[in-house]
Amino acid sequence: AEYLHRVKGEQLLEQLCVSPSKTHPSVWEKSHHYLCPLIPFLFPRSASDTPTVLLNTFWSREPGCDSGFGNLLARQLDLRGLRVLAACLTEKGAEQLRNQTSDRLQTVILDVTKTDSVAAATEWVKERVGDRGLWGLVNNAGISTPTAPNEWLTKQDFVKILDVNLLGVIDVTLSVLPLVRKARGRVVNVSSIMGRVALLGGGYCMSKYGVEAFSDSLRRELSYFGVKVVMIEPGYFKTTVTSPKALSQGFQASWNQASPEIKELYGEKFMANLMKSVDLLETTSCQDLSLVTNCMEHALTACHPRTRYSPGWDAKFIYLPMSYLPSFLVDLMVYWRNPRPAKAL
């Protein structure tokens, strides 16, 4: 509680320093110059009272994967003075992150689909947090492809996504939960607004619905022990998850493996329209990732975090309201919005 009040004090002071008054801009300019350097002295921290947060940050092996929510949040929390333990899939991603942050931040290689890797990372975390426990766990790793109409996919296509987005979240959470419980800390699971409304075929929406259910049940169970479980449900943001290149390649690969019967049923025009929708997604996706990471930070540092955060204009004004509509209305909206198969009735 003492730390949370200190963070609030810092945030208020920083807002004071960076928000110039309309009436006396010069005064506030000087305040920014003289007060910001005083933050560490007004709100001192020692290693023993600095909360530790484990970020399950990255999954993609593609170049540029370290520019999403996980990377930004790691740098943001490090700047706030928290001790960040960042779990990365590749050593290259880990090295890039270390080069961008202070010495407080440490990295570990983690593949959430492998239980041995999760166990090794858990032991690594135990060695670093000791008896203090782990204040926060952020499950952010995720993939979105292969995504396509369900009939185009195989069982393995579903398993690939569920392994990372759902089973990986469960495995990591259960492994470090004793450490979080010891600190009476926070579990922050990054779901998606697609965990409220299933607009896509494939394992992505299924995995996010699963994360929602897991988080709900976990929150109710851990409330007896002072642990808070929070869900982040972003709309569409420009990250590797919504990468047009990855989605287009995924659609094409699924189309190529579909049977001749399925190809005749849907037709080439359907496939072309599907590709156009990917281009539209790129233009409508939000570029300001801080809308999401600010929610994550609030979930970790607020005395009373919300149960759910839905960052993004599309999440708030389109998909969240849709989730409360009767199913037949949502079905009609999706029916008229999506491309029509060639053999549609």
Protein backbone atom coordinates (compact mmCIF):
# COMPACT_ATOMS: atom_id res chain seq x y z
CA ALA A 1 0.00 0.00 0.00
CA GLU A 2 2.88 2.36 0.84
CA TYR A 3 4.36 1.83 -2.61
CA LEU A 4 1.04 2.43 -4.36
CA HIS A 5 0.62 5.78 -2.60
CA ARG A 6 4.18 6.70 -3.61
CA VAL A 7 3.41 5.90 -7.26
CA LYS A 8 0.30 8.06 -7.08
CA GLY A 9 2.38 10.90 -5.67
CA GLU A 10 4.87 10.56 -8.49
CA GLN A 11 2.14 10.54 -11.10
CA LEU A 12 0.52 13.68 -9.65
CA LEU A 13 3.85 15.47 -9.48
CA GLU A 14 4.73 14.50 -13.05
CA GLN A 15 1.33 15.69 -14.27
CA LEU A 16 1.93 18.96 -12.42
CA CYS A 17 5.30 19.33 -14.09
CA VAL A 18 4.28 18.46 -17.64
CA SER A 19 0.90 20.29 -17.76
CA PRO A 20 1.59 24.00 -18.34
CA SER A 21 -0.95 26.43 -16.90
CA LYS A 22 -2.74 28.53 -19.44
CA THR A 23 -2.40 31.61 -17.26
CA HIS A 24 1.21 31.27 -16.12
CA PRO A 25 3.11 29.09 -18.65
CA SER A 26 6.51 30.38 -17.54
CA VAL A 27 5.87 29.32 -13.95
CA TRP A 28 4.98 25.80 -15.00
CA GLU A 29 7.96 25.63 -17.34
CA LYS A 30 10.24 26.36 -14.40
CA SER A 31 8.34 23.84 -12.27
CA HIS A 32 9.00 21.18 -14.88
CA HIS A 33 12.69 22.08 -14.94
CA TYR A 34 13.22 22.12 -11.18
CA LEU A 35 10.69 19.62 -9.78
CA CYS A 36 11.11 16.60 -12.09
CA PRO A 37 14.71 15.93 -10.94
CA LEU A 38 13.44 15.97 -7.34
CA ILE A 39 11.10 12.99 -7.86
CA PRO A 40 13.65 10.34 -6.76
CA PHE A 41 14.41 12.37 -3.60
CA LEU A 42 10.79 13.16 -2.72
CA PHE A 43 9.74 9.55 -3.31
CA PRO A 44 12.82 7.43 -2.55
CA ARG A 45 12.86 3.68 -3.11
CA SER A 46 15.10 0.93 -1.88
CA ALA A 47 15.63 -2.47 -3.50
CA SER A 48 13.68 -4.12 -0.70
CA ASP A 49 10.47 -2.12 -1.19
CA THR A 50 10.46 -2.00 -4.99
CA PRO A 51 7.78 -4.35 -6.36
CA THR A 52 8.87 -6.90 -8.94
CA VAL A 53 6.79 -7.50 -12.07
CA LEU A 54 7.19 -10.48 -14.41
CA LEU A 55 6.22 -9.63 -17.98
CA ASN A 56 5.58 -12.51 -20.34
CA THR A 57 6.33 -10.10 -23.12
CA PHE A 58 7.03 -11.43 -26.59
CA TRP A 59 6.16 -14.40 -28.74
CA SER A 60 6.69 -13.64 -32.42
CA ARG A 61 10.01 -14.66 -33.98
CA GLU A 62 9.56 -12.11 -36.78
CA PRO A 63 11.78 -9.02 -37.02
CA GLY A 64 10.22 -6.08 -35.19
CA CYS A 65 8.39 -8.29 -32.72
CA ASP A 66 9.79 -6.26 -29.84
CA SER A 67 7.77 -3.17 -30.61
CA GLY A 68 4.40 -4.22 -29.20
CA PHE A 69 2.62 -3.86 -25.86
CA GLY A 70 5.18 -5.95 -23.97
CA ASN A 71 8.20 -3.94 -25.03
CA LEU A 72 6.53 -0.60 -24.36
CA LEU A 73 5.21 -1.72 -20.97
CA ALA A 74 8.61 -3.06 -19.91
CA ARG A 75 10.23 0.30 -20.69
CA GLN A 76 7.35 2.21 -19.11
CA LEU A 77 7.49 0.30 -15.81
CA ASP A 78 11.27 0.47 -15.76
CA LEU A 79 11.02 4.25 -16.13
CA ARG A 80 8.61 4.27 -13.18
CA GLY A 81 11.23 2.57 -11.06
CA LEU A 82 9.68 -0.89 -10.82
CA ARG A 83 11.90 -3.94 -11.00
CA VAL A 84 10.97 -5.67 -14.26
CA LEU A 85 11.66 -9.30 -15.10
CA ALA A 86 10.94 -9.64 -18.82
CA ALA A 87 10.38 -13.08 -20.33
CA CYS A 88 11.31 -13.07 -24.03
CA LEU A 89 11.17 -15.80 -26.64
CA THR A 90 14.51 -14.97 -28.28
CA GLU A 91 17.88 -13.77 -27.02
CA LYS A 92 17.90 -11.08 -29.70
CA GLY A 93 14.67 -9.60 -28.37
CA ALA A 94 15.99 -9.79 -24.81
CA GLU A 95 19.21 -8.00 -25.76
CA GLN A 96 17.33 -5.23 -27.57
CA LEU A 97 15.16 -4.65 -24.52
CA ARG A 98 18.11 -4.56 -22.12
CA ASN A 99 19.79 -1.96 -24.32
CA GLN A 100 16.72 0.28 -24.01
CA THR A 101 16.26 0.09 -20.22
CA SER A 102 18.07 0.49 -16.90
CA ASP A 103 20.08 -2.14 -15.04
CA ARG A 104 17.01 -2.92 -12.91
CA LEU A 105 15.40 -4.77 -15.80
CA GLN A 106 16.43 -8.40 -16.23
CA THR A 107 15.46 -10.85 -18.95
CA VAL A 108 14.89 -14.58 -19.19
CA ILE A 109 14.20 -16.76 -22.24
CA LEU A 110 10.77 -18.38 -22.09
CA ASP A 111 8.76 -20.54 -24.48
CA VAL A 112 5.26 -20.74 -22.98
CA THR A 113 4.42 -23.85 -25.01
CA LYS A 114 7.12 -25.89 -23.24
CA THR A 115 6.54 -26.87 -19.61
CA ASP A 116 10.28 -27.33 -19.00
CA SER A 117 10.92 -23.76 -20.14
CA VAL A 118 8.15 -22.46 -17.87
CA ALA A 119 9.55 -24.41 -14.90
CA ALA A 120 13.07 -23.09 -15.51
CA ALA A 121 11.83 -19.51 -15.79
CA THR A 122 9.85 -19.92 -12.56
CA GLU A 123 12.96 -21.05 -10.68
CA TRP A 124 14.84 -18.09 -12.13
CA VAL A 125 12.14 -15.73 -10.84
CA LYS A 126 12.16 -17.37 -7.38
CA GLU A 127 15.89 -16.75 -7.07
CA ARG A 128 15.38 -13.06 -7.77
CA VAL A 129 12.30 -12.24 -5.69
CA GLY A 130 13.10 -14.40 -2.65
CA ASP A 131 10.73 -14.09 0.31
CA ARG A 132 9.20 -10.85 -0.95
CA GLY A 133 7.20 -12.65 -3.60
CA LEU A 134 6.14 -11.36 -7.00
CA TRP A 135 4.00 -8.23 -7.07
CA GLY A 136 2.73 -8.57 -10.63
CA LEU A 137 2.44 -11.05 -13.48
CA VAL A 138 1.51 -9.73 -16.93
CA ASN A 139 0.57 -12.41 -19.47
CA ASN A 140 0.98 -10.63 -22.78
CA ALA A 141 2.46 -13.19 -25.21
CA GLY A 142 0.10 -14.14 -28.02
CA ILE A 143 -0.32 -14.98 -31.71
CA SER A 144 -3.22 -14.45 -34.11
CA THR A 145 -2.53 -16.76 -37.04
CA PRO A 146 -3.63 -19.03 -38.60
CA THR A 147 -6.97 -17.22 -38.77
CA ALA A 148 -9.53 -18.00 -41.48
CA PRO A 149 -13.03 -19.44 -41.85
CA ASN A 150 -13.13 -22.56 -39.67
CA GLU A 151 -13.65 -24.98 -42.56
CA TRP A 152 -10.36 -23.89 -44.10
CA LEU A 153 -8.40 -24.96 -41.02
CA THR A 154 -7.14 -28.17 -39.46
CA LYS A 155 -7.13 -29.24 -35.83
CA GLN A 156 -3.43 -28.39 -35.63
CA ASP A 157 -4.18 -24.81 -36.70
CA PHE A 158 -6.40 -24.43 -33.65
CA VAL A 159 -3.91 -26.16 -31.34
CA LYS A 160 -1.09 -23.83 -32.44
CA ILE A 161 -2.93 -20.73 -31.20
CA LEU A 162 -4.48 -22.31 -28.11
CA ASP A 163 -1.05 -23.55 -26.98
CA VAL A 164 0.29 -20.01 -26.81
CA ASN A 165 -2.71 -17.80 -26.07
CA LEU A 166 -4.55 -19.99 -23.55
CA LEU A 167 -2.57 -22.99 -22.32
CA GLY A 168 0.60 -20.90 -22.14
CA VAL A 169 -1.18 -18.32 -19.99
CA ILE A 170 -2.51 -21.05 -17.69
CA ASP A 171 0.87 -22.79 -17.35
CA VAL A 172 2.81 -19.60 -16.55
CA THR A 173 0.14 -18.34 -14.14
CA LEU A 174 -0.14 -21.55 -12.14
CA SER A 175 3.66 -21.82 -11.95
CA VAL A 176 4.28 -18.38 -10.42
CA LEU A 177 0.98 -18.04 -8.52
CA PRO A 178 2.51 -18.97 -5.12
CA LEU A 179 4.93 -16.04 -5.54
CA VAL A 180 2.11 -13.63 -6.43
CA ARG A 181 0.00 -14.84 -3.52
CA LYS A 182 2.91 -14.29 -1.13
CA ALA A 183 3.07 -10.63 -2.20
CA ARG A 184 -0.74 -10.27 -2.39
CA GLY A 185 -0.08 -8.96 -5.85
CA ARG A 186 -1.71 -8.77 -9.27
CA VAL A 187 -2.27 -11.03 -12.26
CA VAL A 188 -2.88 -9.05 -15.46
CA ASN A 189 -4.04 -11.14 -18.41
CA VAL A 190 -4.10 -9.56 -21.86
CA SER A 191 -7.21 -10.84 -23.58
CA SER A 192 -8.88 -9.04 -26.49
CA ILE A 193 -12.19 -7.49 -27.34
CA MET A 194 -12.49 -10.60 -29.54
CA GLY A 195 -12.88 -12.44 -26.24
CA ARG A 196 -16.27 -10.73 -26.01
CA VAL A 197 -17.43 -11.00 -29.64
CA ALA A 198 -16.27 -13.85 -31.90
CA LEU A 199 -15.95 -12.18 -35.30
CA LEU A 200 -13.19 -14.42 -36.68
CA GLY A 201 -12.80 -18.11 -37.37
CA GLY A 202 -9.87 -20.10 -36.03
CA GLY A 203 -8.35 -20.38 -32.59
CA TYR A 204 -7.79 -16.70 -31.79
CA CYS A 205 -11.28 -15.79 -30.54
CA MET A 206 -11.58 -19.19 -28.84
CA SER A 207 -8.32 -18.61 -26.98
CA LYS A 208 -9.39 -15.16 -25.82
CA TYR A 209 -12.79 -16.43 -24.63
CA GLY A 210 -10.80 -19.03 -22.70
CA VAL A 211 -8.55 -16.36 -21.14
CA GLU A 212 -11.67 -14.47 -20.05
CA ALA A 213 -13.15 -17.57 -18.39
CA PHE A 214 -9.84 -18.51 -16.75
CA SER A 215 -9.39 -14.96 -15.44
CA ASP A 216 -12.93 -14.76 -14.09
CA SER A 217 -12.64 -18.02 -12.17
CA LEU A 218 -9.13 -17.15 -10.95
CA ARG A 219 -10.22 -13.71 -9.74
CA ARG A 220 -12.99 -15.19 -7.62
CA GLU A 221 -10.74 -17.87 -6.16
CA LEU A 222 -7.85 -15.53 -5.31
CA SER A 223 -10.00 -12.78 -3.81
CA TYR A 224 -9.82 -14.71 -0.51
CA PHE A 225 -6.03 -14.22 -0.47
CA GLY A 226 -5.82 -10.54 -1.41
CA VAL A 227 -4.73 -11.18 -5.01
CA LYS A 228 -6.40 -9.17 -7.78
CA VAL A 229 -6.86 -10.55 -11.31
CA VAL A 230 -7.37 -8.06 -14.13
CA MET A 231 -8.17 -8.41 -17.83
CA ILE A 232 -7.02 -6.07 -20.60
CA GLU A 233 -9.30 -6.26 -23.66
CA PRO A 234 -7.76 -4.08 -26.40
CA GLY A 235 -9.43 -3.28 -29.68
CA TYR A 236 -7.40 -3.23 -32.89
CA PHE A 237 -3.91 -1.75 -32.45
CA LYS A 238 -0.94 -1.80 -34.82
CA THR A 239 1.12 -4.70 -33.46
CA THR A 240 2.45 -7.97 -34.85
CA VAL A 241 -0.88 -9.58 -33.91
CA THR A 242 -2.68 -7.39 -36.46
CA SER A 243 0.16 -7.29 -38.99
CA PRO A 244 -1.38 -7.19 -42.52
CA LYS A 245 1.51 -9.23 -43.89
CA ALA A 246 1.08 -12.01 -41.31
CA LEU A 247 -2.71 -12.08 -41.66
CA SER A 248 -2.55 -12.11 -45.48
CA GLN A 249 0.00 -14.93 -45.46
CA GLY A 250 -2.16 -16.83 -42.98
CA PHE A 251 -5.27 -16.47 -45.14
CA GLN A 252 -3.35 -17.55 -48.24
CA ALA A 253 -1.83 -20.60 -46.52
CA SER A 254 -5.24 -21.68 -45.21
CA TRP A 255 -6.81 -21.18 -48.64
CA ASN A 256 -4.07 -23.22 -50.28
CA GLN A 257 -4.64 -26.17 -47.94
CA ALA A 258 -8.44 -26.08 -48.29
CA SER A 259 -10.13 -28.86 -50.23
CA PRO A 260 -11.40 -28.30 -53.81
CA GLU A 261 -14.96 -28.51 -52.46
CA ILE A 262 -14.31 -25.66 -50.00
CA LYS A 263 -12.64 -23.54 -52.70
CA GLU A 264 -15.63 -23.99 -54.98
CA LEU A 265 -18.00 -23.19 -52.12
CA TYR A 266 -16.30 -19.88 -51.24
CA GLY A 267 -14.81 -18.84 -54.59
CA GLU A 268 -11.83 -16.71 -55.54
CA LYS A 269 -13.81 -13.47 -55.14
CA PHE A 270 -14.40 -14.25 -51.46
CA MET A 271 -10.67 -14.70 -50.99
CA ALA A 272 -9.94 -11.39 -52.75
CA ASN A 273 -12.46 -9.55 -50.56
CA LEU A 274 -10.90 -11.13 -47.48
CA MET A 275 -7.53 -9.72 -48.48
CA LYS A 276 -9.08 -6.26 -48.94
CA SER A 277 -10.46 -6.41 -45.40
CA VAL A 278 -6.90 -6.89 -44.13
CA ASP A 279 -5.84 -3.64 -45.84
CA LEU A 280 -8.80 -1.86 -44.25
CA LEU A 281 -7.79 -3.20 -40.85
CA GLU A 282 -4.38 -1.57 -41.21
CA THR A 283 -5.89 1.87 -41.81
CA THR A 284 -8.36 1.64 -38.90
CA SER A 285 -6.03 0.15 -36.26
CA CYS A 286 -4.88 2.55 -33.55
CA GLN A 287 -1.18 3.44 -33.48
CA ASP A 288 -1.05 4.73 -29.89
CA LEU A 289 0.01 1.63 -27.94
CA SER A 290 0.27 3.66 -24.73
CA LEU A 291 -3.53 3.52 -24.46
CA VAL A 292 -3.07 -0.16 -23.67
CA THR A 293 0.11 0.02 -21.58
CA ASN A 294 -1.36 2.81 -19.44
CA CYS A 295 -4.22 0.45 -18.58
CA MET A 296 -1.70 -2.26 -17.71
CA GLU A 297 0.25 0.15 -15.50
CA HIS A 298 -2.92 1.24 -13.74
CA ALA A 299 -3.88 -2.40 -13.18
CA LEU A 300 -0.49 -3.00 -11.53
CA THR A 301 -0.18 0.16 -9.45
CA ALA A 302 -3.69 1.38 -8.56
CA CYS A 303 -4.99 0.64 -5.07
CA HIS A 304 -8.28 -0.43 -6.62
CA PRO A 305 -7.76 -1.61 -10.22
CA ARG A 306 -10.71 -2.34 -12.48
CA THR A 307 -11.69 -5.88 -13.32
CA ARG A 308 -11.60 -5.14 -17.05
CA TYR A 309 -10.03 -2.46 -19.23
CA SER A 310 -11.09 -2.00 -22.88
CA PRO A 311 -8.60 0.42 -24.51
CA GLY A 312 -9.28 1.67 -28.02
CA TRP A 313 -12.15 3.59 -29.57
CA ASP A 314 -13.39 0.53 -31.47
CA ALA A 315 -13.43 -1.57 -28.32
CA LYS A 316 -15.39 1.04 -26.36
CA PHE A 317 -17.86 2.21 -28.98
CA ILE A 318 -18.33 -0.78 -31.31
CA TYR A 319 -17.34 -4.20 -30.00
CA LEU A 320 -18.15 -3.76 -26.30
CA PRO A 321 -21.70 -2.53 -27.05
CA MET A 322 -22.06 -5.37 -29.58
CA SER A 323 -21.29 -7.89 -26.84
CA TYR A 324 -24.41 -6.79 -24.95
CA LEU A 325 -26.75 -7.05 -27.95
CA PRO A 326 -28.94 -10.12 -28.55
CA SER A 327 -27.09 -12.77 -30.55
CA PHE A 328 -29.41 -12.56 -33.55
CA LEU A 329 -28.61 -8.85 -33.97
CA VAL A 330 -24.86 -9.49 -33.82
CA ASP A 331 -25.32 -12.32 -36.33
CA LEU A 332 -27.09 -9.94 -38.72
CA MET A 333 -24.37 -7.29 -38.36
CA VAL A 334 -21.63 -9.82 -39.09
CA TYR A 335 -23.66 -11.34 -41.96
CA TRP A 336 -23.94 -7.99 -43.76
CA ARG A 337 -20.40 -6.89 -42.98
CA ASN A 338 -18.44 -9.97 -44.06
CA PRO A 339 -17.76 -11.06 -47.68
CA ARG A 340 -20.32 -13.48 -49.13
CA PRO A 341 -19.23 -16.94 -50.30
CA ALA A 342 -19.81 -17.71 -53.99
CA LYS A 343 -22.36 -20.44 -53.22
CA ALA A 344 -24.18 -18.51 -50.47
CA LEU A 345 -27.95 -19.01 -50.46
